[in-house]
Every structure is written in structure tokens, then in C-alpha cells.
Amino acid sequence: MKENTKTRLVTQDTHDTNADINQASKIGLGIVVALAGLIGAWSVACLAGALSTAGIGGVVKGFMTAITGI
């Protein structure tokens, strides 16, 4: 009598999706921090340019005019 045997191969997925999400989060956070730094540097450059052109009084006067509209 002939016997039929079936062999079943079970593999286990060792891929860690949490590590992928964690890595993507680190990259995203790095991009946000870099862009925030660029925006901050640009704002300081603009403020320095305004102070060198109009002086502190002119900057304060322009700021108050922008706020109040007067």
C-alpha cells in the first residue's frame, strides 16, 4: 500500500513594521526641524535687514501701524 504524505512549510515573517514606522517618523521629524530652522534663520535675516534700514524706531512704528492700521 502506498502512503501519500504532504509536507507543509511554515515560514515566519521577521519583518518589523514598527521599526519602519519609527524610522519614517524620525525622517519626518528631521525634515520638520530642518525647515523650522530655515524659517527661523530667514526671519532673523529679515528683522536684521529691517533694523539696518529703518532703525528700531521705524520698525516699532511699522509694527504698530500694521497692528492698528493707523
Protein backbone atom coordinates (compact mmCIF):
# COMPACT_ATOMS: atom_id res chain seq x y z
CA MET A 1 0.00 0.00 0.00
CA LYS A 2 1.26 3.39 -0.95
CA GLU A 3 1.08 6.31 1.51
CA ASN A 4 0.75 9.91 0.48
CA THR A 5 2.37 12.38 2.79
CA LYS A 6 2.14 16.11 2.49
CA THR A 7 4.82 18.36 3.82
CA ARG A 8 3.81 21.83 4.88
CA LEU A 9 6.46 24.51 5.17
CA VAL A 10 5.71 27.24 7.68
CA THR A 11 7.70 30.43 7.46
CA GLN A 12 7.68 33.19 9.96
CA ASP A 13 7.83 36.82 8.87
CA THR A 14 10.55 38.54 10.83
CA HIS A 15 9.98 41.96 9.24
CA ASP A 16 9.33 44.54 11.96
CA THR A 17 6.79 47.09 10.73
CA ASN A 18 7.13 49.12 13.94
CA ALA A 19 10.77 49.74 13.10
CA ASP A 20 9.76 51.00 9.64
CA ILE A 21 7.19 53.36 11.13
CA ASN A 22 9.71 54.54 13.72
CA GLN A 23 12.31 55.21 11.01
CA ALA A 24 9.78 57.12 8.90
CA SER A 25 8.80 59.19 11.92
CA LYS A 26 12.44 60.09 12.59
CA ILE A 27 12.93 61.17 8.98
CA GLY A 28 9.73 63.22 9.01
CA LEU A 29 10.68 64.89 12.28
CA GLY A 30 14.13 65.70 10.91
CA ILE A 31 12.60 67.38 7.86
CA VAL A 32 10.24 69.44 10.02
CA VAL A 33 13.07 70.55 12.33
CA ALA A 34 15.28 71.49 9.37
CA LEU A 35 12.51 73.55 7.78
CA ALA A 36 11.75 75.25 11.10
CA GLY A 37 15.43 76.19 11.37
CA LEU A 38 15.41 77.64 7.86
CA ILE A 39 12.29 79.67 8.61
CA GLY A 40 13.83 80.96 11.84
CA ALA A 41 17.05 81.96 10.08
CA TRP A 42 15.06 83.74 7.38
CA SER A 43 13.03 85.67 9.96
CA VAL A 44 16.19 86.79 11.79
CA ALA A 45 17.70 87.93 8.46
CA CYS A 46 14.55 89.89 7.65
CA LEU A 47 14.49 91.51 11.10
CA ALA A 48 18.17 92.43 10.81
CA GLY A 49 17.53 93.97 7.38
CA ALA A 50 14.60 96.00 8.69
CA LEU A 51 16.61 97.22 11.67
CA SER A 52 19.53 98.26 9.46
CA THR A 53 17.23 100.10 7.05
CA ALA A 54 14.64 101.78 9.29
CA GLY A 55 16.21 101.58 12.76
CA ILE A 56 14.47 100.41 15.91
CA GLY A 57 12.03 103.32 15.91
CA GLY A 58 10.96 102.71 12.33
CA VAL A 59 10.48 99.01 12.96
CA VAL A 60 8.34 99.64 16.06
CA LYS A 61 6.33 102.32 14.23
CA GLY A 62 5.79 99.99 11.25
CA PHE A 63 4.77 97.15 13.57
CA MET A 64 2.23 99.34 15.38
CA THR A 65 0.87 100.59 12.05
CA ALA A 66 0.48 97.01 10.85
CA ILE A 67 -1.36 96.03 14.04
CA THR A 68 -3.66 99.04 14.38
CA GLY A 69 -4.00 100.13 10.74
CA ILE A 70 -3.45 103.78 11.70
